[in-house]
Amino acid sequence: MKAITLTRFLIIGLIPFVLAGCSIVENAYEDVMGKSYRPTVCPRISILAEASDLTKFKTGPGRDIIDQTVESNISGVDVTCKYDLEEDTSGTLNVGVVLHFEATMGPANKVNKAVLPYFLAVVDNEKNILEREAFTQEIYFKGNIVKASFQDEPVQFILPLKRGEDGSDFEIYAGFQLTQEEVKYNRRRLTR
């Protein structure tokens, strides 16, 4: 009996932390019993394993560490959600996504900067792409600094909601926009 009470306490105690990634919602859904509730679920965010790292090399032959111009990874993501629901419970979900990056300047980088292309894509439960956007992030390495942590500007997605839908009906994929050679390089690294 005490174990059940403790489990309930832990589950209820964790709810604010699980919901902390979403902002306050404006309106409420109404369930089949006529009781209203506020959806608070944000879409799942997946950083694709094969596209979470980017290593760029100088032009020409050579793919050793001395040929690298930059090595970067997507180190984290912040998500905010704001629901705007109509009386019939349809409406929109405004999702804000901020990606965090880490980068190291490689020995072959002679200009102290790098351009990192990345993408964000929204899919539905059947993995249909609803929206996809490509971005570039420029990094400058000043003075003797060879490592940098930074985040890009927030990206906003406005997702139309049908009756009964919420953030769990969507997923957002993030990753670097890679060339075929960069994909092969990442695959080799992942298998080591």
C-alpha atoms as a PDB file:
ATOM      1  CA  MET A   1       0.000   0.000   0.000  1.00  0.00           C
ATOM      2  CA  LYS A   2       2.814   2.394   0.872  1.00  0.00           C
ATOM      3  CA  ALA A   3       4.582   1.582  -2.427  1.00  0.00           C
ATOM      4  CA  ILE A   4       1.508   2.634  -4.424  1.00  0.00           C
ATOM      5  CA  THR A   5       1.219   5.881  -2.475  1.00  0.00           C
ATOM      6  CA  LEU A   6       4.929   6.608  -2.997  1.00  0.00           C
ATOM      7  CA  THR A   7       4.631   5.823  -6.720  1.00  0.00           C
ATOM      8  CA  ARG A   8       1.640   8.149  -7.062  1.00  0.00           C
ATOM      9  CA  PHE A   9       3.527  10.853  -5.174  1.00  0.00           C
ATOM     10  CA  LEU A  10       6.555  10.475  -7.476  1.00  0.00           C
ATOM     11  CA  ILE A  11       4.447  10.537 -10.639  1.00  0.00           C
ATOM     12  CA  ILE A  12       2.422  13.546  -9.496  1.00  0.00           C
ATOM     13  CA  GLY A  13       5.604  15.258  -8.294  1.00  0.00           C
ATOM     14  CA  LEU A  14       7.241  14.828 -11.709  1.00  0.00           C
ATOM     15  CA  ILE A  15       4.357  16.291 -13.724  1.00  0.00           C
ATOM     16  CA  PRO A  16       5.485  19.949 -13.370  1.00  0.00           C
ATOM     17  CA  PHE A  17       8.964  18.998 -14.579  1.00  0.00           C
ATOM     18  CA  VAL A  18       7.642  17.078 -17.575  1.00  0.00           C
ATOM     19  CA  LEU A  19       5.407  19.978 -18.551  1.00  0.00           C
ATOM     20  CA  ALA A  20       8.024  22.660 -17.906  1.00  0.00           C
ATOM     21  CA  GLY A  21       9.112  22.735 -21.568  1.00  0.00           C
ATOM     22  CA  CYS A  22       5.745  24.101 -22.694  1.00  0.00           C
ATOM     23  CA  SER A  23       4.420  27.561 -22.017  1.00  0.00           C
ATOM     24  CA  ILE A  24       0.976  28.408 -20.662  1.00  0.00           C
ATOM     25  CA  VAL A  25      -1.889  27.554 -22.998  1.00  0.00           C
ATOM     26  CA  GLU A  26      -4.564  30.074 -23.860  1.00  0.00           C
ATOM     27  CA  ASN A  27      -7.739  28.024 -24.272  1.00  0.00           C
ATOM     28  CA  ALA A  28      -9.061  24.630 -23.246  1.00  0.00           C
ATOM     29  CA  TYR A  29     -10.285  21.461 -24.912  1.00  0.00           C
ATOM     30  CA  GLU A  30     -13.498  19.836 -23.743  1.00  0.00           C
ATOM     31  CA  ASP A  31     -13.536  16.081 -23.309  1.00  0.00           C
ATOM     32  CA  VAL A  32     -16.444  13.707 -24.034  1.00  0.00           C
ATOM     33  CA  MET A  33     -17.799  14.183 -20.511  1.00  0.00           C
ATOM     34  CA  GLY A  34     -18.009  17.946 -20.998  1.00  0.00           C
ATOM     35  CA  LYS A  35     -15.087  18.683 -18.683  1.00  0.00           C
ATOM     36  CA  SER A  36     -12.542  21.136 -19.974  1.00  0.00           C
ATOM     37  CA  TYR A  37      -8.813  20.572 -19.863  1.00  0.00           C
ATOM     38  CA  ARG A  38      -5.790  22.430 -21.173  1.00  0.00           C
ATOM     39  CA  PRO A  39      -3.466  20.625 -23.583  1.00  0.00           C
ATOM     40  CA  THR A  40       0.143  21.123 -22.542  1.00  0.00           C
ATOM     41  CA  VAL A  41       1.992  18.665 -24.737  1.00  0.00           C
ATOM     42  CA  CYS A  42       4.785  19.907 -26.999  1.00  0.00           C
ATOM     43  CA  PRO A  43       5.834  17.958 -30.110  1.00  0.00           C
ATOM     44  CA  ARG A  44       8.626  15.444 -29.669  1.00  0.00           C
ATOM     45  CA  ILE A  45      12.024  16.723 -30.828  1.00  0.00           C
ATOM     46  CA  SER A  46      14.481  14.282 -32.416  1.00  0.00           C
ATOM     47  CA  ILE A  47      18.049  15.189 -33.278  1.00  0.00           C
ATOM     48  CA  LEU A  48      18.929  12.686 -36.005  1.00  0.00           C
ATOM     49  CA  ALA A  49      21.951  10.594 -34.991  1.00  0.00           C
ATOM     50  CA  GLU A  50      23.554  10.626 -38.448  1.00  0.00           C
ATOM     51  CA  ALA A  51      23.043  14.387 -38.760  1.00  0.00           C
ATOM     52  CA  SER A  52      23.884  15.526 -35.217  1.00  0.00           C
ATOM     53  CA  ASP A  53      27.577  16.105 -36.021  1.00  0.00           C
ATOM     54  CA  LEU A  54      29.259  18.026 -38.815  1.00  0.00           C
ATOM     55  CA  THR A  55      32.932  17.831 -39.740  1.00  0.00           C
ATOM     56  CA  LYS A  56      34.145  20.025 -42.592  1.00  0.00           C
ATOM     57  CA  PHE A  57      37.487  19.581 -44.346  1.00  0.00           C
ATOM     58  CA  LYS A  58      39.591  21.862 -46.492  1.00  0.00           C
ATOM     59  CA  THR A  59      39.064  21.611 -50.243  1.00  0.00           C
ATOM     60  CA  GLY A  60      41.099  18.910 -51.945  1.00  0.00           C
ATOM     61  CA  PRO A  61      42.439  15.554 -50.818  1.00  0.00           C
ATOM     62  CA  GLY A  62      43.076  14.644 -47.225  1.00  0.00           C
ATOM     63  CA  ARG A  63      40.568  13.681 -44.556  1.00  0.00           C
ATOM     64  CA  ASP A  64      42.778  13.501 -41.487  1.00  0.00           C
ATOM     65  CA  ILE A  65      42.387  15.643 -38.390  1.00  0.00           C
ATOM     66  CA  ILE A  66      44.917  18.159 -39.780  1.00  0.00           C
ATOM     67  CA  ASP A  67      42.592  18.698 -42.777  1.00  0.00           C
ATOM     68  CA  GLN A  68      39.568  19.707 -40.667  1.00  0.00           C
ATOM     69  CA  THR A  69      38.263  23.274 -40.828  1.00  0.00           C
ATOM     70  CA  VAL A  70      35.528  22.807 -38.203  1.00  0.00           C
ATOM     71  CA  GLU A  71      33.939  20.106 -36.104  1.00  0.00           C
ATOM     72  CA  SER A  72      30.490  20.839 -34.664  1.00  0.00           C
ATOM     73  CA  ASN A  73      27.552  19.139 -32.975  1.00  0.00           C
ATOM     74  CA  ILE A  74      24.003  19.954 -31.979  1.00  0.00           C
ATOM     75  CA  SER A  75      24.319  19.894 -28.209  1.00  0.00           C
ATOM     76  CA  GLY A  76      20.755  20.602 -27.123  1.00  0.00           C
ATOM     77  CA  VAL A  77      17.362  22.049 -27.907  1.00  0.00           C
ATOM     78  CA  ASP A  78      14.789  24.264 -26.157  1.00  0.00           C
ATOM     79  CA  VAL A  79      11.094  24.072 -27.057  1.00  0.00           C
ATOM     80  CA  THR A  80       8.170  26.294 -26.120  1.00  0.00           C
ATOM     81  CA  CYS A  81       4.516  25.744 -26.982  1.00  0.00           C
ATOM     82  CA  LYS A  82       1.512  28.037 -27.022  1.00  0.00           C
ATOM     83  CA  TYR A  83      -1.954  26.784 -27.893  1.00  0.00           C
ATOM     84  CA  ASP A  84      -4.592  29.011 -29.475  1.00  0.00           C
ATOM     85  CA  LEU A  85      -7.837  27.033 -29.599  1.00  0.00           C
ATOM     86  CA  GLU A  86     -11.235  27.947 -30.993  1.00  0.00           C
ATOM     87  CA  GLU A  87     -14.553  27.082 -29.353  1.00  0.00           C
ATOM     88  CA  ASP A  88     -14.864  23.914 -31.434  1.00  0.00           C
ATOM     89  CA  THR A  89     -11.406  22.878 -30.085  1.00  0.00           C
ATOM     90  CA  SER A  90      -9.637  23.306 -33.399  1.00  0.00           C
ATOM     91  CA  GLY A  91      -6.979  25.985 -33.644  1.00  0.00           C
ATOM     92  CA  THR A  92      -3.216  26.338 -33.822  1.00  0.00           C
ATOM     93  CA  LEU A  93      -0.136  25.367 -31.873  1.00  0.00           C
ATOM     94  CA  ASN A  94       2.754  27.834 -31.997  1.00  0.00           C
ATOM     95  CA  VAL A  95       6.028  25.973 -31.408  1.00  0.00           C
ATOM     96  CA  GLY A  96       9.327  27.761 -30.799  1.00  0.00           C
ATOM     97  CA  VAL A  97      12.569  25.804 -31.292  1.00  0.00           C
ATOM     98  CA  VAL A  98      16.066  26.954 -30.317  1.00  0.00           C
ATOM     99  CA  LEU A  99      19.041  24.741 -31.195  1.00  0.00           C
ATOM    100  CA  HIS A 100      22.287  24.819 -29.225  1.00  0.00           C
ATOM    101  CA  PHE A 101      25.615  24.129 -30.931  1.00  0.00           C
ATOM    102  CA  GLU A 102      29.216  23.477 -29.973  1.00  0.00           C
ATOM    103  CA  ALA A 103      32.046  23.933 -32.473  1.00  0.00           C
ATOM    104  CA  THR A 104      35.807  23.487 -32.564  1.00  0.00           C
ATOM    105  CA  MET A 105      37.960  25.204 -35.169  1.00  0.00           C
ATOM    106  CA  GLY A 106      40.121  22.734 -37.064  1.00  0.00           C
ATOM    107  CA  PRO A 107      43.847  23.073 -37.883  1.00  0.00           C
ATOM    108  CA  ALA A 108      43.081  23.748 -41.564  1.00  0.00           C
ATOM    109  CA  ASN A 109      40.790  26.713 -40.821  1.00  0.00           C
ATOM    110  CA  LYS A 110      42.661  29.819 -42.000  1.00  0.00           C
ATOM    111  CA  VAL A 111      39.766  32.321 -41.812  1.00  0.00           C
ATOM    112  CA  ASN A 112      38.679  31.835 -38.158  1.00  0.00           C
ATOM    113  CA  LYS A 113      35.063  31.263 -39.125  1.00  0.00           C
ATOM    114  CA  ALA A 114      32.722  28.518 -40.297  1.00  0.00           C
ATOM    115  CA  VAL A 115      29.253  28.257 -41.821  1.00  0.00           C
ATOM    116  CA  LEU A 116      27.037  25.505 -40.423  1.00  0.00           C
ATOM    117  CA  PRO A 117      23.972  24.517 -42.462  1.00  0.00           C
ATOM    118  CA  TYR A 118      21.144  22.814 -40.561  1.00  0.00           C
ATOM    119  CA  PHE A 119      17.453  22.009 -40.941  1.00  0.00           C
ATOM    120  CA  LEU A 120      14.263  21.588 -38.938  1.00  0.00           C
ATOM    121  CA  ALA A 121      11.345  19.510 -40.227  1.00  0.00           C
ATOM    122  CA  VAL A 122       7.855  18.964 -38.777  1.00  0.00           C
ATOM    123  CA  VAL A 123       6.132  15.636 -39.431  1.00  0.00           C
ATOM    124  CA  ASP A 124       2.762  14.223 -38.461  1.00  0.00           C
ATOM    125  CA  ASN A 125       2.091  10.810 -36.881  1.00  0.00           C
ATOM    126  CA  GLU A 126       2.387   9.129 -40.286  1.00  0.00           C
ATOM    127  CA  LYS A 127       5.793  10.788 -40.882  1.00  0.00           C
ATOM    128  CA  ASN A 128       4.427  13.072 -43.619  1.00  0.00           C
ATOM    129  CA  ILE A 129       6.592  16.199 -43.820  1.00  0.00           C
ATOM    130  CA  LEU A 130       4.359  19.181 -43.038  1.00  0.00           C
ATOM    131  CA  GLU A 131       7.067  21.823 -43.037  1.00  0.00           C
ATOM    132  CA  ARG A 132      10.836  21.860 -43.574  1.00  0.00           C
ATOM    133  CA  GLU A 133      13.190  24.803 -43.296  1.00  0.00           C
ATOM    134  CA  ALA A 134      16.936  25.103 -43.924  1.00  0.00           C
ATOM    135  CA  PHE A 135      19.173  27.562 -42.082  1.00  0.00           C
ATOM    136  CA  THR A 136      22.819  28.566 -41.864  1.00  0.00           C
ATOM    137  CA  GLN A 137      24.659  29.593 -38.736  1.00  0.00           C
ATOM    138  CA  GLU A 138      27.957  31.471 -38.987  1.00  0.00           C
ATOM    139  CA  ILE A 139      30.523  31.071 -36.227  1.00  0.00           C
ATOM    140  CA  TYR A 140      33.516  33.312 -35.668  1.00  0.00           C
ATOM    141  CA  PHE A 141      36.523  32.195 -33.654  1.00  0.00           C
ATOM    142  CA  LYS A 142      38.117  35.331 -32.205  1.00  0.00           C
ATOM    143  CA  GLY A 143      41.762  35.595 -31.189  1.00  0.00           C
ATOM    144  CA  ASN A 144      43.155  32.339 -29.834  1.00  0.00           C
ATOM    145  CA  ILE A 145      39.716  30.875 -29.073  1.00  0.00           C
ATOM    146  CA  VAL A 146      39.186  27.609 -30.935  1.00  0.00           C
ATOM    147  CA  LYS A 147      36.004  26.378 -29.180  1.00  0.00           C
ATOM    148  CA  ALA A 148      32.592  28.019 -29.164  1.00  0.00           C
ATOM    149  CA  SER A 149      29.148  27.264 -27.691  1.00  0.00           C
ATOM    150  CA  PHE A 150      26.207  29.187 -29.082  1.00  0.00           C
ATOM    151  CA  GLN A 151      22.550  29.053 -30.021  1.00  0.00           C
ATOM    152  CA  ASP A 152      20.683  30.256 -33.071  1.00  0.00           C
ATOM    153  CA  GLU A 153      17.648  32.528 -33.155  1.00  0.00           C
ATOM    154  CA  PRO A 154      14.306  30.864 -32.260  1.00  0.00           C
ATOM    155  CA  VAL A 155      12.461  29.230 -35.149  1.00  0.00           C
ATOM    156  CA  GLN A 156       8.654  29.389 -35.036  1.00  0.00           C
ATOM    157  CA  PHE A 157       6.273  26.807 -36.457  1.00  0.00           C
ATOM    158  CA  ILE A 158       2.505  27.410 -36.467  1.00  0.00           C
ATOM    159  CA  LEU A 159       0.776  24.036 -36.661  1.00  0.00           C
ATOM    160  CA  PRO A 160      -2.935  23.793 -37.477  1.00  0.00           C
ATOM    161  CA  LEU A 161      -4.828  21.593 -35.021  1.00  0.00           C
ATOM    162  CA  LYS A 162      -7.898  19.535 -35.818  1.00  0.00           C
ATOM    163  CA  ARG A 163     -10.387  18.585 -33.141  1.00  0.00           C
ATOM    164  CA  GLY A 164      -8.674  16.364 -30.551  1.00  0.00           C
ATOM    165  CA  GLU A 165      -5.125  16.983 -31.770  1.00  0.00           C
ATOM    166  CA  ASP A 166      -2.327  18.325 -29.606  1.00  0.00           C
ATOM    167  CA  GLY A 167       1.464  18.474 -29.690  1.00  0.00           C
ATOM    168  CA  SER A 168       1.806  14.690 -29.386  1.00  0.00           C
ATOM    169  CA  ASP A 169       0.444  14.401 -32.949  1.00  0.00           C
ATOM    170  CA  PHE A 170       3.639  15.999 -34.319  1.00  0.00           C
ATOM    171  CA  GLU A 171       7.389  15.453 -34.214  1.00  0.00           C
ATOM    172  CA  ILE A 172      10.198  17.838 -35.117  1.00  0.00           C
ATOM    173  CA  TYR A 173      13.448  16.549 -36.605  1.00  0.00           C
ATOM    174  CA  ALA A 174      16.680  18.523 -36.378  1.00  0.00           C
ATOM    175  CA  GLY A 175      20.075  17.943 -37.937  1.00  0.00           C
ATOM    176  CA  PHE A 176      22.895  19.365 -39.977  1.00  0.00           C
ATOM    177  CA  GLN A 177      22.367  19.644 -43.725  1.00  0.00           C
ATOM    178  CA  LEU A 178      25.068  17.217 -44.903  1.00  0.00           C
ATOM    179  CA  THR A 179      26.646  16.344 -48.227  1.00  0.00           C
ATOM    180  CA  GLN A 180      26.858  12.660 -49.214  1.00  0.00           C
ATOM    181  CA  GLU A 181      30.523  12.633 -48.209  1.00  0.00           C
ATOM    182  CA  GLU A 182      29.676  14.097 -44.778  1.00  0.00           C
ATOM    183  CA  VAL A 183      26.939  11.486 -44.259  1.00  0.00           C
ATOM    184  CA  LYS A 184      29.410   8.684 -45.054  1.00  0.00           C
ATOM    185  CA  TYR A 185      31.963  10.204 -42.677  1.00  0.00           C
ATOM    186  CA  ASN A 186      29.369  10.329 -39.843  1.00  0.00           C
ATOM    187  CA  ARG A 187      28.282   6.741 -40.510  1.00  0.00           C
ATOM    188  CA  ARG A 188      31.869   5.540 -40.276  1.00  0.00           C
ATOM    189  CA  ARG A 189      32.280   7.392 -36.957  1.00  0.00           C
ATOM    190  CA  LEU A 190      29.029   5.960 -35.570  1.00  0.00           C
ATOM    191  CA  THR A 191      30.116   2.379 -36.341  1.00  0.00           C
ATOM    192  CA  ARG A 192      33.452   2.755 -34.491  1.00  0.00           C
END
